[in-house]
Amino acid sequence: MPQHVQGVIAPGRNEPVRVETIVIPDPGPGEAVVKIQACGVCHTDLHYKQGGINDEFPFLLGHEAAGTVESVGEGVTDVAPGDFVILNWRAVCGTCRACLRGRPWYCFDTHNAKQRMTLLDGTELSPALGIGAFAEKTLVASGQCTKVDPAVAPEVAGLLGCGVMAGIGAAINTGNVGRGDTVAVIGCGGVGDAAVVGSRLAGAAKIIAVDIDDRKLETARAMGATHTVNSRSTDPVEAIRELTGGFGADVVIEAVGRPETYQQAFYARDLAGTVVLVGVPTPEMKLELPLLDVFGRGGALKSSWYGDCLPSRDFPMLVDLHQQGRIDLAAFVTETIGLGEVEKAFARMHEGDVLRSVVVL
């Protein structure tokens, strides 16, 4: 029978979030109920609260999560009750044209649970990125559950569900950073720092971190950046060129999602270099570039959705690398908080005081 749990909702545009009682239905065919153990406070949740994604309020926030499968619906064979899982927001279908061509990370028919979670009065909730994990339990499609080693700490594992995977994947999967490459990362929040980690893991020889906040640049250096540039006081394009023999970086990862920083990334890359946009723009933003420059510089301009990851492949691999001490995912966790502290966590995020706040249940 349906369960009542506590969860964090965004009731309306820019209204403070609040903890409410959420009704979780029994899982239907292809669905699973997951008991949440930890969920990171991601900038995308703030976008939902601000109405920057869509206006389908109220939202059940939270998506960067890990927990234990409690129950599954008819036909579910890939996970079972008791499995420790990271939730992913791109459950691949396996049958669309991208999947059939061997490119499931581009799946054009990703899916979520068909049933809706509600408030006590029956108001249907829109779960953030089809997950809604700022809650004691949530309902998802079983394909959104990726099994990993249960020995990893939930507050660490959950970060792979969005920001850390997006950044590492932007470097490794989308940018194809290789041994000896020069890489510049513009924007050193959680995603940008993860791109630094991914670039280091891939064997980049030089990793240049760019931000307007010296505190963030210090963190990026601790994550593996070899050079830092404060773009508030220094032209980042000129600085990146100077650090790369006048040529520009082989790969520039834009982790802000603004036209100004994208233009910086475009002109800071080497001829035939690659620009990767992983920062999420808002709907009204426009980009203007001379088409002759796009043609004349060659190379590749790419967007990175979720780090072009395949959760079944990438999540277990990154957990293993963390457990081997080859990457330090725990370094992304600034603080752990309770459900009632999400609104304060948004404020700390806005001030740049945290890399990641993580709700622990």
Protein backbone atom coordinates (compact mmCIF):
# COMPACT_ATOMS: atom_id res chain seq x y z
CA MET A 1 0.00 0.00 0.00
CA PRO A 2 1.12 3.62 -0.50
CA GLN A 3 3.64 5.00 1.98
CA HIS A 4 3.87 8.42 3.59
CA VAL A 5 7.37 9.92 3.82
CA GLN A 6 8.94 13.32 4.35
CA GLY A 7 10.29 15.20 1.34
CA VAL A 8 11.38 18.68 0.23
CA ILE A 9 9.17 20.47 -2.28
CA ALA A 10 9.45 23.73 -4.18
CA PRO A 11 5.85 25.04 -4.08
CA GLY A 12 6.24 27.92 -6.55
CA ARG A 13 8.72 30.07 -8.41
CA ASN A 14 11.36 31.43 -6.01
CA GLU A 15 9.29 30.45 -2.98
CA PRO A 16 11.22 28.94 -0.04
CA VAL A 17 11.35 25.16 -0.15
CA ARG A 18 9.63 23.25 2.64
CA VAL A 19 9.37 19.75 4.05
CA GLU A 20 6.02 18.09 3.34
CA THR A 21 4.47 14.64 3.62
CA ILE A 22 4.81 12.81 0.31
CA VAL A 23 2.70 9.84 -0.82
CA ILE A 24 4.78 7.12 -2.51
CA PRO A 25 2.70 4.56 -4.46
CA ASP A 26 3.63 0.91 -4.66
CA PRO A 27 5.93 0.31 -7.63
CA GLY A 28 4.17 -0.60 -10.84
CA PRO A 29 5.59 -2.52 -13.81
CA GLY A 30 9.18 -1.45 -14.45
CA GLU A 31 9.33 0.70 -11.33
CA ALA A 32 11.21 0.63 -8.02
CA VAL A 33 10.89 2.30 -4.63
CA VAL A 34 14.27 3.36 -3.26
CA LYS A 35 15.04 4.25 0.34
CA ILE A 36 17.29 7.30 0.04
CA GLN A 37 20.45 7.41 2.14
CA ALA A 38 22.08 10.55 0.75
CA CYS A 39 21.35 13.23 -1.85
CA GLY A 40 23.57 16.10 -2.97
CA VAL A 41 22.27 19.67 -3.27
CA CYS A 42 22.89 20.40 -6.96
CA HIS A 43 22.59 23.73 -8.77
CA THR A 44 19.96 22.13 -11.00
CA ASP A 45 17.65 21.86 -7.97
CA LEU A 46 18.04 25.60 -7.49
CA HIS A 47 17.16 26.07 -11.18
CA TYR A 48 13.96 24.11 -10.56
CA LYS A 49 13.09 26.26 -7.55
CA GLN A 50 13.67 29.43 -9.58
CA GLY A 51 11.52 28.21 -12.47
CA GLY A 52 14.54 28.01 -14.77
CA ILE A 53 13.73 24.47 -15.98
CA ASN A 54 9.96 24.66 -16.41
CA ASP A 55 6.91 25.81 -14.47
CA GLU A 56 5.45 22.42 -13.52
CA PHE A 57 5.25 23.25 -9.81
CA PRO A 58 5.22 21.85 -7.19
CA PHE A 59 8.53 20.06 -7.61
CA LEU A 60 9.87 17.27 -5.43
CA LEU A 61 13.51 18.33 -5.42
CA GLY A 62 16.71 16.26 -5.28
CA HIS A 63 18.26 13.94 -7.84
CA GLU A 64 21.95 13.38 -7.00
CA ALA A 65 21.32 10.37 -4.79
CA ALA A 66 22.19 6.91 -3.54
CA GLY A 67 20.15 4.45 -1.51
CA THR A 68 18.79 0.95 -1.20
CA VAL A 69 16.10 -0.62 -3.35
CA GLU A 70 13.13 -1.37 -1.09
CA SER A 71 10.67 -2.92 -3.55
CA VAL A 72 10.24 -3.45 -7.27
CA GLY A 73 7.30 -3.81 -9.61
CA GLU A 74 6.31 -6.45 -12.11
CA GLY A 75 8.89 -7.37 -14.71
CA VAL A 76 11.89 -5.81 -12.96
CA THR A 77 14.93 -8.06 -13.19
CA ASP A 78 17.91 -5.70 -13.23
CA VAL A 79 17.66 -4.74 -9.55
CA ALA A 80 16.20 -6.40 -6.46
CA PRO A 81 15.27 -5.36 -2.92
CA GLY A 82 18.41 -4.78 -0.88
CA ASP A 83 20.58 -3.61 -3.78
CA PHE A 84 22.64 -0.49 -3.10
CA VAL A 85 22.18 1.85 -6.06
CA ILE A 86 23.05 5.25 -7.43
CA LEU A 87 20.09 6.94 -9.11
CA ASN A 88 20.57 8.23 -12.63
CA TRP A 89 18.31 10.55 -14.56
CA ARG A 90 18.92 9.06 -18.01
CA ALA A 91 17.56 5.51 -17.96
CA VAL A 92 18.34 4.28 -21.47
CA CYS A 93 15.62 2.54 -23.47
CA GLY A 94 17.83 0.14 -25.45
CA THR A 95 15.65 0.36 -28.56
CA CYS A 96 15.83 3.91 -29.97
CA ARG A 97 18.04 4.76 -32.96
CA ALA A 98 20.91 5.95 -30.71
CA CYS A 99 20.86 2.80 -28.58
CA LEU A 100 20.64 0.54 -31.62
CA ARG A 101 23.67 2.27 -33.15
CA GLY A 102 25.72 1.51 -30.03
CA ARG A 103 25.52 5.03 -28.59
CA PRO A 104 23.21 4.58 -25.60
CA TRP A 105 24.60 7.67 -23.84
CA TYR A 106 22.68 9.64 -26.49
CA CYS A 107 19.45 7.70 -25.86
CA PHE A 108 16.52 9.66 -27.30
CA ASP A 109 13.84 7.90 -25.25
CA THR A 110 15.05 7.88 -21.65
CA HIS A 111 12.26 7.14 -19.21
CA ASN A 112 11.02 7.73 -15.68
CA ALA A 113 8.42 6.15 -13.41
CA LYS A 114 4.95 6.32 -14.95
CA GLN A 115 3.11 6.81 -11.64
CA ARG A 116 3.20 10.17 -9.90
CA MET A 117 4.08 10.86 -6.30
CA THR A 118 1.68 13.28 -4.61
CA LEU A 119 1.03 15.44 -1.60
CA LEU A 120 -1.53 14.25 0.95
CA ASP A 121 -4.27 16.22 -0.80
CA GLY A 122 -3.58 14.44 -4.07
CA THR A 123 -1.58 17.23 -5.73
CA GLU A 124 0.75 15.60 -8.22
CA LEU A 125 4.46 16.35 -7.83
CA SER A 126 7.03 16.84 -10.57
CA PRO A 127 10.18 15.01 -9.44
CA ALA A 128 13.40 16.85 -10.27
CA LEU A 129 15.01 15.15 -13.29
CA GLY A 130 12.50 12.34 -12.86
CA ILE A 131 13.93 11.36 -9.46
CA GLY A 132 12.83 13.55 -6.51
CA ALA A 133 15.32 12.34 -3.91
CA PHE A 134 15.17 14.99 -1.18
CA ALA A 135 12.89 12.47 0.45
CA GLU A 136 13.08 9.46 2.71
CA LYS A 137 11.94 7.30 -0.23
CA THR A 138 11.23 7.90 -3.89
CA LEU A 139 9.67 6.13 -6.87
CA VAL A 140 11.75 5.74 -10.04
CA ALA A 141 11.97 3.61 -13.16
CA SER A 142 14.09 0.56 -12.41
CA GLY A 143 16.47 1.59 -15.20
CA GLN A 144 17.31 4.67 -13.13
CA CYS A 145 18.91 2.40 -10.50
CA THR A 146 22.56 1.52 -11.05
CA LYS A 147 24.06 -1.08 -8.70
CA VAL A 148 27.46 -0.30 -7.18
CA ASP A 149 29.64 -1.69 -4.39
CA PRO A 150 27.72 -1.11 -1.12
CA ALA A 151 31.02 -0.51 0.72
CA VAL A 152 31.21 3.03 -0.68
CA ALA A 153 29.77 5.80 1.54
CA PRO A 154 26.30 6.89 0.30
CA GLU A 155 27.14 10.60 0.53
CA VAL A 156 30.07 9.97 -1.83
CA ALA A 157 28.31 7.57 -4.20
CA GLY A 158 25.31 9.84 -4.71
CA LEU A 159 27.44 12.60 -6.21
CA LEU A 160 28.05 10.42 -9.24
CA GLY A 161 24.33 10.69 -9.94
CA CYS A 162 24.80 14.15 -11.43
CA GLY A 163 27.50 16.80 -10.92
CA VAL A 164 30.63 14.72 -10.46
CA MET A 165 29.70 12.40 -13.33
CA ALA A 166 28.87 15.39 -15.53
CA GLY A 167 32.29 16.94 -14.98
CA ILE A 168 34.40 13.78 -15.18
CA GLY A 169 32.45 12.64 -18.24
CA ALA A 170 32.82 16.04 -19.94
CA ALA A 171 36.58 15.51 -19.83
CA ILE A 172 36.85 11.78 -20.50
CA ASN A 173 33.80 10.92 -22.58
CA THR A 174 32.90 14.13 -24.43
CA GLY A 175 36.22 15.95 -24.58
CA ASN A 176 38.26 12.80 -25.13
CA VAL A 177 41.11 14.30 -23.10
CA GLY A 178 44.22 12.26 -23.77
CA ARG A 179 47.68 11.76 -22.35
CA GLY A 180 49.77 14.92 -22.64
CA ASP A 181 46.86 17.20 -23.58
CA THR A 182 46.45 20.73 -22.32
CA VAL A 183 43.04 21.40 -20.78
CA ALA A 184 41.36 24.57 -19.55
CA VAL A 185 38.30 24.42 -17.28
CA ILE A 186 36.21 27.59 -17.04
CA GLY A 187 34.08 27.65 -13.89
CA CYS A 188 35.29 25.80 -10.81
CA GLY A 189 32.18 24.74 -8.96
CA GLY A 190 31.42 21.08 -8.41
CA VAL A 191 31.11 20.23 -12.10
CA GLY A 192 34.22 22.19 -13.09
CA ASP A 193 36.30 20.62 -10.35
CA ALA A 194 35.08 17.20 -11.46
CA ALA A 195 36.28 18.08 -14.97
CA VAL A 196 39.67 18.85 -13.45
CA VAL A 197 39.66 15.43 -11.77
CA GLY A 198 38.63 13.75 -15.02
CA SER A 199 41.35 15.54 -16.98
CA ARG A 200 43.99 14.48 -14.47
CA LEU A 201 42.69 10.91 -14.57
CA ALA A 202 42.96 10.94 -18.38
CA GLY A 203 46.61 12.00 -18.22
CA ALA A 204 46.44 15.68 -19.17
CA ALA A 205 49.83 17.34 -18.87
CA LYS A 206 48.54 20.81 -18.06
CA ILE A 207 45.18 21.67 -16.46
CA ILE A 208 44.31 25.36 -16.25
CA ALA A 209 41.46 26.28 -13.88
CA VAL A 210 39.61 29.57 -14.50
CA ASP A 211 37.23 31.28 -12.10
CA ILE A 212 36.52 34.68 -10.51
CA ASP A 213 36.80 33.35 -6.94
CA ASP A 214 40.24 32.66 -5.46
CA ARG A 215 38.72 30.20 -2.97
CA LYS A 216 37.39 28.10 -5.83
CA LEU A 217 40.71 28.28 -7.61
CA GLU A 218 42.48 26.97 -4.51
CA THR A 219 40.07 24.05 -4.41
CA ALA A 220 40.63 23.37 -8.11
CA ARG A 221 44.38 23.26 -7.53
CA ALA A 222 43.84 20.77 -4.71
CA MET A 223 41.78 18.67 -7.15
CA GLY A 224 44.61 18.54 -9.67
CA ALA A 225 44.78 21.84 -11.58
CA THR A 226 48.36 22.72 -12.49
CA HIS A 227 47.65 26.42 -13.11
CA THR A 228 44.93 28.86 -12.07
CA VAL A 229 43.60 32.08 -13.62
CA ASN A 230 41.38 34.61 -11.87
CA SER A 231 39.31 35.93 -14.76
CA ARG A 232 38.03 38.86 -12.69
CA SER A 233 41.46 40.48 -12.95
CA THR A 234 43.03 38.70 -15.93
CA ASP A 235 41.91 38.09 -19.51
CA PRO A 236 41.43 34.30 -19.42
CA VAL A 237 41.91 33.85 -23.18
CA GLU A 238 45.27 35.60 -23.12
CA ALA A 239 46.30 33.78 -19.94
CA ILE A 240 45.42 30.36 -21.38
CA ARG A 241 47.29 31.15 -24.59
CA GLU A 242 50.34 32.30 -22.65
CA LEU A 243 50.32 29.07 -20.64
CA THR A 244 50.08 26.95 -23.81
CA GLY A 245 52.90 28.42 -25.88
CA GLY A 246 50.56 30.89 -27.57
CA PHE A 247 48.39 28.20 -29.12
CA GLY A 248 45.46 27.68 -26.76
CA ALA A 249 44.32 24.52 -24.98
CA ASP A 250 43.61 21.23 -26.72
CA VAL A 251 40.33 20.95 -24.79
CA VAL A 252 38.41 23.77 -23.10
CA ILE A 253 35.56 22.74 -20.81
CA GLU A 254 32.96 25.44 -20.14
CA ALA A 255 31.26 24.65 -16.82
CA VAL A 256 29.36 27.92 -16.33
CA GLY A 257 26.76 27.96 -19.10
CA ARG A 258 26.89 31.62 -20.12
CA PRO A 259 27.50 33.21 -23.55
CA GLU A 260 30.45 35.26 -22.26
CA THR A 261 32.28 32.27 -20.86
CA TYR A 262 31.46 30.17 -23.92
CA GLN A 263 33.10 32.80 -26.13
CA GLN A 264 36.14 32.70 -23.86
CA ALA A 265 36.25 28.92 -24.26
CA PHE A 266 35.90 29.21 -28.05
CA TYR A 267 38.84 31.58 -28.41
CA ALA A 268 40.98 29.93 -25.74
CA ARG A 269 41.21 26.62 -27.63
CA ASP A 270 43.94 25.67 -30.05
CA LEU A 271 43.22 25.49 -33.76
CA ALA A 272 41.30 22.24 -34.25
CA GLY A 273 40.84 22.07 -30.49
CA THR A 274 37.64 21.03 -28.74
CA VAL A 275 35.16 23.09 -26.73
CA VAL A 276 32.86 21.17 -24.37
CA LEU A 277 29.80 22.92 -22.96
CA VAL A 278 28.72 21.22 -19.75
CA GLY A 279 27.41 24.31 -17.91
CA VAL A 280 23.63 24.60 -18.26
CA PRO A 281 22.35 27.84 -19.86
CA THR A 282 18.94 29.35 -19.24
CA PRO A 283 16.32 29.50 -22.04
CA GLU A 284 16.74 33.20 -22.86
CA MET A 285 20.51 33.08 -23.46
CA LYS A 286 21.80 33.67 -26.99
CA LEU A 287 25.25 33.06 -28.47
CA GLU A 288 26.78 35.14 -31.26
CA LEU A 289 30.01 34.10 -32.98
CA PRO A 290 31.43 35.10 -36.37
CA LEU A 291 30.64 32.15 -38.62
CA LEU A 292 33.99 32.63 -40.37
CA ASP A 293 35.73 32.01 -37.02
CA VAL A 294 33.72 28.84 -36.50
CA PHE A 295 34.77 27.66 -39.96
CA GLY A 296 38.34 28.87 -39.83
CA ARG A 297 39.28 27.44 -36.47
CA GLY A 298 38.12 23.90 -37.19
CA GLY A 299 37.96 21.41 -34.36
CA ALA A 300 34.81 20.50 -32.49
CA LEU A 301 32.14 22.31 -30.50
CA LYS A 302 30.36 19.79 -28.29
CA SER A 303 27.65 19.74 -25.66
CA SER A 304 27.95 17.22 -22.84
CA TRP A 305 24.72 15.71 -21.52
CA TYR A 306 25.40 14.10 -18.17
CA GLY A 307 29.03 13.72 -19.19
CA ASP A 308 27.87 11.46 -22.06
CA CYS A 309 27.91 8.73 -19.45
CA LEU A 310 26.53 5.23 -19.53
CA PRO A 311 25.64 4.71 -15.85
CA SER A 312 25.97 0.92 -15.93
CA ARG A 313 29.52 1.33 -17.23
CA ASP A 314 30.74 4.52 -15.58
CA PHE A 315 29.29 4.50 -12.06
CA PRO A 316 30.83 1.18 -10.94
CA MET A 317 34.15 2.13 -12.59
CA LEU A 318 34.38 5.46 -10.77
CA VAL A 319 33.38 3.89 -7.46
CA ASP A 320 36.19 1.36 -7.95
CA LEU A 321 38.70 4.13 -8.73
CA HIS A 322 37.61 5.96 -5.58
CA GLN A 323 38.05 2.85 -3.46
CA GLN A 324 41.49 2.30 -4.97
CA GLY A 325 42.49 5.83 -3.95
CA ARG A 326 42.95 6.97 -7.55
CA ILE A 327 40.26 9.66 -7.29
CA ASP A 328 38.99 11.28 -4.10
CA LEU A 329 35.24 11.66 -4.45
CA ALA A 330 34.92 12.46 -0.74
CA ALA A 331 36.75 15.74 -1.40
CA PHE A 332 33.58 17.05 -3.07
CA VAL A 333 31.53 16.74 0.13
CA THR A 334 31.77 20.04 2.01
CA GLU A 335 29.06 19.34 4.58
CA THR A 336 26.27 16.92 5.44
CA ILE A 337 22.86 18.28 6.38
CA GLY A 338 19.28 17.21 7.11
CA LEU A 339 16.15 17.59 4.98
CA GLY A 340 15.17 20.77 6.79
CA GLU A 341 18.39 22.55 5.82
CA VAL A 342 18.05 22.52 2.02
CA GLU A 343 16.97 26.17 1.79
CA LYS A 344 20.05 27.22 3.79
CA ALA A 345 22.19 25.03 1.54
CA PHE A 346 20.92 26.94 -1.51
CA ALA A 347 22.02 30.19 0.13
CA ARG A 348 25.49 28.79 0.86
CA MET A 349 25.71 27.57 -2.73
CA HIS A 350 24.86 31.04 -4.02
CA GLU A 351 27.61 32.57 -1.85
CA GLY A 352 30.16 30.03 -3.09
CA ASP A 353 30.74 28.69 0.40
CA VAL A 354 30.39 24.99 -0.45
CA LEU A 355 31.44 22.56 -3.13
CA ARG A 356 28.60 20.19 -2.23
CA SER A 357 26.12 20.07 0.62
CA VAL A 358 24.76 16.54 0.97
CA VAL A 359 21.47 15.62 2.65
CA VAL A 360 21.96 12.48 4.72
CA LEU A 361 18.91 10.50 5.83
